[in-house]
C-alpha atoms as a PDB file:
ATOM      1  CA  MET A   1     254.421 199.152 174.533  1.00  0.00           C
ATOM      2  CA  SER A   2     251.196 201.021 175.117  1.00  0.00           C
ATOM      3  CA  ASN A   3     248.276 199.382 173.332  1.00  0.00           C
ATOM      4  CA  ARG A   4     245.918 202.355 173.454  1.00  0.00           C
ATOM      5  CA  ILE A   5     246.763 203.394 169.879  1.00  0.00           C
ATOM      6  CA  ALA A   6     246.363 199.894 168.450  1.00  0.00           C
ATOM      7  CA  ASN A   7     243.165 199.364 170.401  1.00  0.00           C
ATOM      8  CA  ARG A   8     241.621 202.611 169.192  1.00  0.00           C
ATOM      9  CA  PHE A   9     242.418 202.011 165.524  1.00  0.00           C
ATOM     10  CA  ALA A  10     241.085 198.450 165.850  1.00  0.00           C
ATOM     11  CA  LYS A  11     237.872 199.770 167.395  1.00  0.00           C
ATOM     12  CA  CYS A  12     237.391 202.251 164.562  1.00  0.00           C
ATOM     13  CA  THR A  13     237.995 199.502 161.998  1.00  0.00           C
ATOM     14  CA  GLU A  14     235.359 197.365 163.684  1.00  0.00           C
ATOM     15  CA  GLU A  15     232.976 200.313 163.396  1.00  0.00           C
ATOM     16  CA  GLY A  16     233.742 200.529 159.681  1.00  0.00           C
ATOM     17  CA  ARG A  17     235.299 203.985 159.695  1.00  0.00           C
ATOM     18  CA  PRO A  18     238.674 205.714 159.929  1.00  0.00           C
ATOM     19  CA  ALA A  19     239.877 207.250 163.175  1.00  0.00           C
ATOM     20  CA  LEU A  20     239.602 211.000 163.668  1.00  0.00           C
ATOM     21  CA  VAL A  21     242.941 212.314 164.902  1.00  0.00           C
ATOM     22  CA  THR A  22     242.768 215.874 166.243  1.00  0.00           C
ATOM     23  CA  PHE A  23     245.732 218.198 166.768  1.00  0.00           C
ATOM     24  CA  VAL A  24     245.827 221.232 169.035  1.00  0.00           C
ATOM     25  CA  THR A  25     248.794 223.067 170.502  1.00  0.00           C
ATOM     26  CA  ALA A  26     249.259 222.575 174.249  1.00  0.00           C
ATOM     27  CA  GLY A  27     248.626 225.817 176.122  1.00  0.00           C
ATOM     28  CA  ASP A  28     246.896 227.651 173.249  1.00  0.00           C
ATOM     29  CA  PRO A  29     245.614 230.256 173.938  1.00  0.00           C
ATOM     30  CA  ASP A  30     246.251 229.651 177.649  1.00  0.00           C
ATOM     31  CA  LEU A  31     246.658 226.630 179.907  1.00  0.00           C
ATOM     32  CA  GLU A  32     243.152 226.618 181.394  1.00  0.00           C
ATOM     33  CA  THR A  33     241.357 226.996 178.065  1.00  0.00           C
ATOM     34  CA  SER A  34     243.633 224.458 176.383  1.00  0.00           C
ATOM     35  CA  GLN A  35     242.892 221.893 179.088  1.00  0.00           C
ATOM     36  CA  LYS A  36     239.157 222.398 178.583  1.00  0.00           C
ATOM     37  CA  ILE A  37     239.618 221.920 174.845  1.00  0.00           C
ATOM     38  CA  ILE A  38     241.461 218.606 175.096  1.00  0.00           C
ATOM     39  CA  ASP A  39     239.220 217.353 177.901  1.00  0.00           C
ATOM     40  CA  GLY A  40     236.187 217.704 175.613  1.00  0.00           C
ATOM     41  CA  LEU A  41     237.665 216.424 172.350  1.00  0.00           C
ATOM     42  CA  VAL A  42     236.571 212.820 172.827  1.00  0.00           C
ATOM     43  CA  ASP A  43     232.963 213.701 173.599  1.00  0.00           C
ATOM     44  CA  ALA A  44     233.009 215.835 170.441  1.00  0.00           C
ATOM     45  CA  GLY A  45     234.129 212.834 168.361  1.00  0.00           C
ATOM     46  CA  ALA A  46     237.943 212.625 168.436  1.00  0.00           C
ATOM     47  CA  ASP A  47     239.500 209.167 168.546  1.00  0.00           C
ATOM     48  CA  VAL A  48     243.165 210.111 168.982  1.00  0.00           C
ATOM     49  CA  ILE A  49     244.578 213.367 170.370  1.00  0.00           C
ATOM     50  CA  GLU A  50     247.777 214.909 169.058  1.00  0.00           C
ATOM     51  CA  LEU A  51     249.077 217.551 171.434  1.00  0.00           C
ATOM     52  CA  GLY A  52     251.579 219.975 169.996  1.00  0.00           C
ATOM     53  CA  MET A  53     254.645 220.780 172.073  1.00  0.00           C
ATOM     54  CA  PRO A  54     255.150 224.552 171.593  1.00  0.00           C
ATOM     55  CA  PHE A  55     258.518 225.524 170.138  1.00  0.00           C
ATOM     56  CA  SER A  56     259.918 228.894 169.114  1.00  0.00           C
ATOM     57  CA  ASP A  57     261.162 227.757 165.682  1.00  0.00           C
ATOM     58  CA  PRO A  58     258.594 225.336 164.186  1.00  0.00           C
ATOM     59  CA  MET A  59     260.046 225.043 160.699  1.00  0.00           C
ATOM     60  CA  ALA A  60     257.506 222.586 159.257  1.00  0.00           C
ATOM     61  CA  ASP A  61     254.458 224.489 160.447  1.00  0.00           C
ATOM     62  CA  GLY A  62     252.410 227.065 158.601  1.00  0.00           C
ATOM     63  CA  PRO A  63     251.398 230.464 159.966  1.00  0.00           C
ATOM     64  CA  ALA A  64     248.371 229.231 161.959  1.00  0.00           C
ATOM     65  CA  ILE A  65     250.242 226.628 163.986  1.00  0.00           C
ATOM     66  CA  GLN A  66     253.261 228.917 164.355  1.00  0.00           C
ATOM     67  CA  ALA A  67     250.956 231.544 165.822  1.00  0.00           C
ATOM     68  CA  ALA A  68     249.396 228.973 168.151  1.00  0.00           C
ATOM     69  CA  GLY A  69     252.823 228.072 169.463  1.00  0.00           C
ATOM     70  CA  GLN A  70     253.650 231.716 170.046  1.00  0.00           C
ATOM     71  CA  ARG A  71     250.378 232.255 171.912  1.00  0.00           C
ATOM     72  CA  ALA A  72     251.103 229.233 174.090  1.00  0.00           C
ATOM     73  CA  LEU A  73     254.690 230.229 174.828  1.00  0.00           C
ATOM     74  CA  GLY A  74     253.556 233.773 175.533  1.00  0.00           C
ATOM     75  CA  ALA A  75     251.092 232.406 178.076  1.00  0.00           C
ATOM     76  CA  GLY A  76     253.894 230.528 179.843  1.00  0.00           C
ATOM     77  CA  GLN A  77     253.487 227.030 178.407  1.00  0.00           C
ATOM     78  CA  ASP A  78     256.455 224.691 178.838  1.00  0.00           C
ATOM     79  CA  MET A  79     257.097 220.954 178.710  1.00  0.00           C
ATOM     80  CA  HIS A  80     256.258 220.431 182.387  1.00  0.00           C
ATOM     81  CA  LYS A  81     252.842 222.016 181.843  1.00  0.00           C
ATOM     82  CA  THR A  82     252.279 220.030 178.649  1.00  0.00           C
ATOM     83  CA  LEU A  83     252.924 216.751 180.446  1.00  0.00           C
ATOM     84  CA  GLY A  84     250.732 218.023 183.275  1.00  0.00           C
ATOM     85  CA  MET A  85     247.879 218.463 180.790  1.00  0.00           C
ATOM     86  CA  VAL A  86     248.195 214.811 179.779  1.00  0.00           C
ATOM     87  CA  LYS A  87     248.205 213.735 183.421  1.00  0.00           C
ATOM     88  CA  ALA A  88     245.074 215.814 184.084  1.00  0.00           C
ATOM     89  CA  PHE A  89     243.348 214.289 181.041  1.00  0.00           C
ATOM     90  CA  ARG A  90     244.176 210.785 182.262  1.00  0.00           C
ATOM     91  CA  LYS A  91     242.247 211.394 185.495  1.00  0.00           C
ATOM     92  CA  HIS A  92     239.017 211.005 183.514  1.00  0.00           C
ATOM     93  CA  ASP A  93     240.085 209.100 180.386  1.00  0.00           C
ATOM     94  CA  ALA A  94     242.299 206.031 180.527  1.00  0.00           C
ATOM     95  CA  GLU A  95     241.634 204.808 176.978  1.00  0.00           C
ATOM     96  CA  THR A  96     242.068 207.615 174.445  1.00  0.00           C
ATOM     97  CA  PRO A  97     245.553 207.700 172.905  1.00  0.00           C
ATOM     98  CA  ILE A  98     247.559 210.888 173.324  1.00  0.00           C
ATOM     99  CA  VAL A  99     250.485 211.590 171.009  1.00  0.00           C
ATOM    100  CA  LEU A 100     252.888 214.475 171.591  1.00  0.00           C
ATOM    101  CA  MET A 101     253.969 216.133 168.363  1.00  0.00           C
ATOM    102  CA  GLY A 102     256.683 218.657 167.732  1.00  0.00           C
ATOM    103  CA  TYR A 103     260.433 219.152 167.568  1.00  0.00           C
ATOM    104  CA  TYR A 104     263.407 217.591 169.285  1.00  0.00           C
ATOM    105  CA  ASN A 105     264.845 220.724 170.887  1.00  0.00           C
ATOM    106  CA  PRO A 106     262.350 221.025 173.800  1.00  0.00           C
ATOM    107  CA  ILE A 107     262.793 217.325 174.565  1.00  0.00           C
ATOM    108  CA  TYR A 108     266.590 217.592 174.405  1.00  0.00           C
ATOM    109  CA  ILE A 109     266.575 220.598 176.742  1.00  0.00           C
ATOM    110  CA  TYR A 110     264.268 218.785 179.158  1.00  0.00           C
ATOM    111  CA  GLY A 111     266.575 215.730 179.085  1.00  0.00           C
ATOM    112  CA  VAL A 112     265.670 212.663 177.030  1.00  0.00           C
ATOM    113  CA  ASP A 113     265.626 210.112 179.865  1.00  0.00           C
ATOM    114  CA  LYS A 114     263.705 212.399 182.203  1.00  0.00           C
ATOM    115  CA  PHE A 115     261.277 213.341 179.453  1.00  0.00           C
ATOM    116  CA  LEU A 116     260.532 209.718 178.591  1.00  0.00           C
ATOM    117  CA  ASP A 117     260.073 208.748 182.236  1.00  0.00           C
ATOM    118  CA  ASP A 118     257.778 211.709 182.861  1.00  0.00           C
ATOM    119  CA  ALA A 119     255.863 211.082 179.627  1.00  0.00           C
ATOM    120  CA  VAL A 120     255.218 207.461 180.610  1.00  0.00           C
ATOM    121  CA  ALA A 121     254.105 208.562 184.063  1.00  0.00           C
ATOM    122  CA  ALA A 122     251.749 211.167 182.575  1.00  0.00           C
ATOM    123  CA  GLY A 123     250.144 208.685 180.189  1.00  0.00           C
ATOM    124  CA  VAL A 124     251.649 209.613 176.804  1.00  0.00           C
ATOM    125  CA  ASP A 125     251.223 206.900 174.158  1.00  0.00           C
ATOM    126  CA  GLY A 126     253.317 208.140 171.267  1.00  0.00           C
ATOM    127  CA  LEU A 127     255.683 210.737 169.875  1.00  0.00           C
ATOM    128  CA  ILE A 128     255.916 212.456 166.504  1.00  0.00           C
ATOM    129  CA  VAL A 129     259.169 214.389 166.254  1.00  0.00           C
ATOM    130  CA  VAL A 130     259.332 215.980 162.844  1.00  0.00           C
ATOM    131  CA  ASP A 131     263.016 216.913 162.765  1.00  0.00           C
ATOM    132  CA  LEU A 132     264.540 213.564 163.794  1.00  0.00           C
ATOM    133  CA  PRO A 133     265.103 211.398 160.702  1.00  0.00           C
ATOM    134  CA  ALA A 134     265.517 207.625 160.851  1.00  0.00           C
ATOM    135  CA  GLU A 135     269.305 208.057 160.822  1.00  0.00           C
ATOM    136  CA  GLU A 136     268.989 209.589 164.311  1.00  0.00           C
ATOM    137  CA  ASP A 137     266.939 206.761 165.858  1.00  0.00           C
ATOM    138  CA  SER A 138     269.418 206.322 168.700  1.00  0.00           C
ATOM    139  CA  GLU A 139     268.692 209.883 169.918  1.00  0.00           C
ATOM    140  CA  LEU A 140     265.059 209.349 170.897  1.00  0.00           C
ATOM    141  CA  CYS A 141     263.238 206.716 168.855  1.00  0.00           C
ATOM    142  CA  VAL A 142     264.959 203.620 170.254  1.00  0.00           C
ATOM    143  CA  PRO A 143     264.943 204.879 173.872  1.00  0.00           C
ATOM    144  CA  ALA A 144     261.232 205.779 173.532  1.00  0.00           C
ATOM    145  CA  ILE A 145     260.318 202.334 172.262  1.00  0.00           C
ATOM    146  CA  ALA A 146     262.323 200.779 175.105  1.00  0.00           C
ATOM    147  CA  LYS A 147     260.164 202.785 177.564  1.00  0.00           C
ATOM    148  CA  GLY A 148     256.951 201.623 175.887  1.00  0.00           C
ATOM    149  CA  ILE A 149     256.182 204.813 173.923  1.00  0.00           C
ATOM    150  CA  ASN A 150     255.263 204.471 170.253  1.00  0.00           C
ATOM    151  CA  PHE A 151     257.405 206.408 167.797  1.00  0.00           C
ATOM    152  CA  ILE A 152     255.303 207.531 164.849  1.00  0.00           C
ATOM    153  CA  ARG A 153     256.978 208.428 161.590  1.00  0.00           C
ATOM    154  CA  LEU A 154     256.057 210.901 158.889  1.00  0.00           C
ATOM    155  CA  THR A 155     256.110 209.844 155.248  1.00  0.00           C
ATOM    156  CA  THR A 156     255.577 212.210 152.335  1.00  0.00           C
ATOM    157  CA  PRO A 157     254.875 212.147 148.585  1.00  0.00           C
ATOM    158  CA  THR A 158     258.641 212.167 148.024  1.00  0.00           C
ATOM    159  CA  THR A 159     259.331 209.075 150.190  1.00  0.00           C
ATOM    160  CA  ASP A 160     260.266 206.375 147.685  1.00  0.00           C
ATOM    161  CA  ASP A 161     260.153 202.636 148.411  1.00  0.00           C
ATOM    162  CA  LYS A 162     263.821 202.452 149.406  1.00  0.00           C
ATOM    163  CA  ARG A 163     263.468 205.322 151.863  1.00  0.00           C
ATOM    164  CA  LEU A 164     260.127 204.006 153.085  1.00  0.00           C
ATOM    165  CA  ALA A 165     261.754 200.783 154.275  1.00  0.00           C
ATOM    166  CA  LYS A 166     264.194 202.784 156.396  1.00  0.00           C
ATOM    167  CA  VAL A 167     261.475 205.077 157.733  1.00  0.00           C
ATOM    168  CA  LEU A 168     259.268 202.137 158.735  1.00  0.00           C
ATOM    169  CA  LYS A 169     262.032 200.161 160.455  1.00  0.00           C
ATOM    170  CA  ASN A 170     261.378 201.435 163.982  1.00  0.00           C
ATOM    171  CA  THR A 171     257.958 202.975 163.420  1.00  0.00           C
ATOM    172  CA  SER A 172     255.156 201.897 165.753  1.00  0.00           C
ATOM    173  CA  GLY A 173     251.618 202.994 166.569  1.00  0.00           C
ATOM    174  CA  PHE A 174     250.691 204.279 163.121  1.00  0.00           C
ATOM    175  CA  VAL A 175     252.267 205.841 160.045  1.00  0.00           C
ATOM    176  CA  TYR A 176     251.506 209.511 159.440  1.00  0.00           C
ATOM    177  CA  TYR A 177     251.296 210.270 155.727  1.00  0.00           C
ATOM    178  CA  VAL A 178     251.797 213.951 154.945  1.00  0.00           C
ATOM    179  CA  SER A 179     249.508 214.454 151.963  1.00  0.00           C
ATOM    180  CA  MET A 180     251.637 217.116 150.271  1.00  0.00           C
ATOM    181  CA  THR A 181     255.056 218.690 150.296  1.00  0.00           C
ATOM    182  CA  GLY A 182     255.346 222.000 152.106  1.00  0.00           C
ATOM    183  CA  ILE A 183     254.061 223.320 155.407  1.00  0.00           C
ATOM    184  CA  THR A 184     250.938 222.720 157.445  1.00  0.00           C
ATOM    185  CA  GLY A 185     247.799 224.590 156.465  1.00  0.00           C
ATOM    186  CA  ALA A 186     248.065 224.276 152.678  1.00  0.00           C
ATOM    187  CA  ALA A 187     245.080 223.155 150.610  1.00  0.00           C
ATOM    188  CA  LEU A 188     244.561 219.536 149.619  1.00  0.00           C
ATOM    189  CA  THR A 189     244.632 219.327 145.823  1.00  0.00           C
ATOM    190  CA  ASN A 190     244.656 215.687 144.663  1.00  0.00           C
ATOM    191  CA  ARG A 191     242.716 213.220 146.780  1.00  0.00           C
ATOM    192  CA  ARG A 192     243.163 210.329 144.325  1.00  0.00           C
ATOM    193  CA  LYS A 193     246.948 210.544 144.630  1.00  0.00           C
ATOM    194  CA  VAL A 194     246.583 210.434 148.416  1.00  0.00           C
ATOM    195  CA  GLY A 195     244.566 207.228 148.145  1.00  0.00           C
ATOM    196  CA  ASP A 196     247.199 205.665 145.880  1.00  0.00           C
ATOM    197  CA  ALA A 197     249.958 206.661 148.320  1.00  0.00           C
ATOM    198  CA  VAL A 198     248.118 205.132 151.272  1.00  0.00           C
ATOM    199  CA  LYS A 199     247.763 201.844 149.392  1.00  0.00           C
ATOM    200  CA  ARG A 200     251.478 201.869 148.574  1.00  0.00           C
ATOM    201  CA  ILE A 201     252.455 202.439 152.207  1.00  0.00           C
ATOM    202  CA  LYS A 202     250.067 199.726 153.402  1.00  0.00           C
ATOM    203  CA  SER A 203     251.784 197.266 151.057  1.00  0.00           C
ATOM    204  CA  HIS A 204     254.926 197.785 153.173  1.00  0.00           C
ATOM    205  CA  THR A 205     253.463 197.680 156.701  1.00  0.00           C
ATOM    206  CA  ASP A 206     250.640 196.295 158.816  1.00  0.00           C
ATOM    207  CA  LEU A 207     250.447 199.541 160.796  1.00  0.00           C
ATOM    208  CA  PRO A 208     247.467 201.873 160.330  1.00  0.00           C
ATOM    209  CA  VAL A 209     248.089 204.797 157.992  1.00  0.00           C
ATOM    210  CA  ALA A 210     246.719 208.199 158.986  1.00  0.00           C
ATOM    211  CA  VAL A 211     246.684 211.116 156.556  1.00  0.00           C
ATOM    212  CA  GLY A 212     247.191 214.732 157.540  1.00  0.00           C
ATOM    213  CA  PHE A 213     247.826 218.187 156.003  1.00  0.00           C
ATOM    214  CA  GLY A 214     245.098 219.933 154.028  1.00  0.00           C
ATOM    215  CA  ILE A 215     242.054 218.342 155.676  1.00  0.00           C
ATOM    216  CA  LYS A 216     239.780 221.160 156.791  1.00  0.00           C
ATOM    217  CA  THR A 217     236.136 220.108 156.382  1.00  0.00           C
ATOM    218  CA  ALA A 218     233.811 217.165 156.930  1.00  0.00           C
ATOM    219  CA  ASP A 219     233.853 216.560 153.161  1.00  0.00           C
ATOM    220  CA  ASP A 220     237.658 216.447 153.154  1.00  0.00           C
ATOM    221  CA  ALA A 221     237.599 213.998 156.062  1.00  0.00           C
ATOM    222  CA  ALA A 222     235.070 211.761 154.301  1.00  0.00           C
ATOM    223  CA  ALA A 223     237.034 211.750 151.052  1.00  0.00           C
ATOM    224  CA  ILE A 224     240.404 210.946 152.620  1.00  0.00           C
ATOM    225  CA  GLY A 225     238.837 208.498 155.062  1.00  0.00           C
ATOM    226  CA  ARG A 226     237.729 206.241 152.226  1.00  0.00           C
ATOM    227  CA  ASP A 227     241.323 205.032 151.899  1.00  0.00           C
ATOM    228  CA  ALA A 228     243.089 206.026 155.125  1.00  0.00           C
ATOM    229  CA  ASP A 229     242.875 204.327 158.523  1.00  0.00           C
ATOM    230  CA  GLY A 230     242.959 207.743 160.164  1.00  0.00           C
ATOM    231  CA  VAL A 231     242.262 211.359 159.239  1.00  0.00           C
ATOM    232  CA  VAL A 232     244.395 214.016 160.955  1.00  0.00           C
ATOM    233  CA  VAL A 233     243.091 217.569 161.353  1.00  0.00           C
ATOM    234  CA  GLY A 234     245.211 220.289 162.924  1.00  0.00           C
ATOM    235  CA  THR A 235     245.345 223.665 161.210  1.00  0.00           C
ATOM    236  CA  ALA A 236     241.559 223.944 160.925  1.00  0.00           C
ATOM    237  CA  LEU A 237     241.190 223.383 164.677  1.00  0.00           C
ATOM    238  CA  VAL A 238     243.958 225.833 165.504  1.00  0.00           C
ATOM    239  CA  ARG A 239     242.288 228.420 163.266  1.00  0.00           C
ATOM    240  CA  ALA A 240     239.005 227.810 165.089  1.00  0.00           C
ATOM    241  CA  ILE A 241     240.801 228.851 168.252  1.00  0.00           C
ATOM    242  CA  GLU A 242     242.399 231.864 166.591  1.00  0.00           C
ATOM    243  CA  THR A 243     239.183 233.209 165.100  1.00  0.00           C
ATOM    244  CA  SER A 244     237.337 232.853 168.423  1.00  0.00           C
ATOM    245  CA  LEU A 245     239.776 235.033 170.353  1.00  0.00           C
ATOM    246  CA  GLU A 246     238.881 238.503 171.551  1.00  0.00           C
ATOM    247  CA  GLY A 247     241.817 240.856 171.950  1.00  0.00           C
ATOM    248  CA  GLY A 248     244.136 237.881 171.583  1.00  0.00           C
ATOM    249  CA  LYS A 249     242.588 236.134 174.582  1.00  0.00           C
ATOM    250  CA  ALA A 250     240.159 233.243 174.950  1.00  0.00           C
ATOM    251  CA  SER A 251     236.511 234.213 174.628  1.00  0.00           C
ATOM    252  CA  ALA A 252     233.337 232.527 175.830  1.00  0.00           C
ATOM    253  CA  TYR A 253     233.208 230.807 172.410  1.00  0.00           C
ATOM    254  CA  THR A 254     236.734 229.431 172.129  1.00  0.00           C
ATOM    255  CA  VAL A 255     236.214 225.949 173.549  1.00  0.00           C
ATOM    256  CA  ALA A 256     232.852 225.513 171.818  1.00  0.00           C
ATOM    257  CA  ALA A 257     234.318 226.605 168.469  1.00  0.00           C
ATOM    258  CA  VAL A 258     236.854 223.777 168.528  1.00  0.00           C
ATOM    259  CA  HIS A 259     234.433 221.133 169.757  1.00  0.00           C
ATOM    260  CA  GLY A 260     231.821 222.189 167.203  1.00  0.00           C
ATOM    261  CA  LEU A 261     234.267 221.717 164.342  1.00  0.00           C
ATOM    262  CA  VAL A 262     235.344 218.333 165.728  1.00  0.00           C
ATOM    263  CA  ARG A 263     231.691 217.232 165.746  1.00  0.00           C
ATOM    264  CA  ASP A 264     231.381 218.193 162.084  1.00  0.00           C
ATOM    265  CA  LEU A 265     234.581 216.358 161.207  1.00  0.00           C
ATOM    266  CA  ALA A 266     233.424 213.279 163.122  1.00  0.00           C
ATOM    267  CA  GLU A 267     230.275 213.212 160.991  1.00  0.00           C
ATOM    268  CA  GLY A 268     232.447 213.332 157.881  1.00  0.00           C
ATOM    269  CA  VAL A 269     234.596 210.469 159.141  1.00  0.00           C
ATOM    270  CA  ALA A 270     231.465 208.428 159.939  1.00  0.00           C
ATOM    271  CA  ASP A 271     230.270 208.951 156.334  1.00  0.00           C
ATOM    272  CA  ALA A 272     233.609 207.991 154.777  1.00  0.00           C
ATOM    273  CA  ARG A 273     232.754 204.378 154.001  1.00  0.00           C
ATOM    274  CA  ARG A 274     228.973 204.434 153.826  1.00  0.00           C
END
């Protein structure tokens, strides 16, 4: 099992802060620009990189991430190119965890065994597959773990203790707590409830708990980071890409827009427990 995820969360704990987990869609708005974005995320302050696998029917995603996937697919992004981006990143960074996030269909079409072998070879550390419940662990989760890839589970406000035990059974790397019901991009409304939920999950597992959905600003990151081991930001970064485009294409400001926001978020994370 890859230790990059565990090592990074441990390092952040030693530094007295939560990890900043950043999500962008692979190939958005085009392959070259997307590679530049992920290659600079760590210098901007990211601790863990989630790379979205574009899919034509992303049912759990809000309009911003759906649009990012469409831009990427329109620019010719596919699974081979996504894994190639990870391999290119690994040429200059052997320590930062990379987690692929998305839906099962592109992996199934690629071929599960081939995908896992190629993902290991590229340097992927974990998978988040939002439409494979624990009842389907034999499809991908168990084979991934056998290959040394962490399988990260989502929990939500509606996951009760009985369900949580099942969800956590084969979870590794970290637990991703979705701070609200609904789709990505919604506003965070009750931070205290999020803190209570994180404490409840941590009473069931020794894994780090990262919180995502609704975190858009440095203040949001600081507030959630007081309780969580990690703060996940996706929609805000994807929107930074979208608003930087000119005529639907990358502009001279696109890469800098994302990295600038990550720097702000990193400052918020650093302030979380001061």
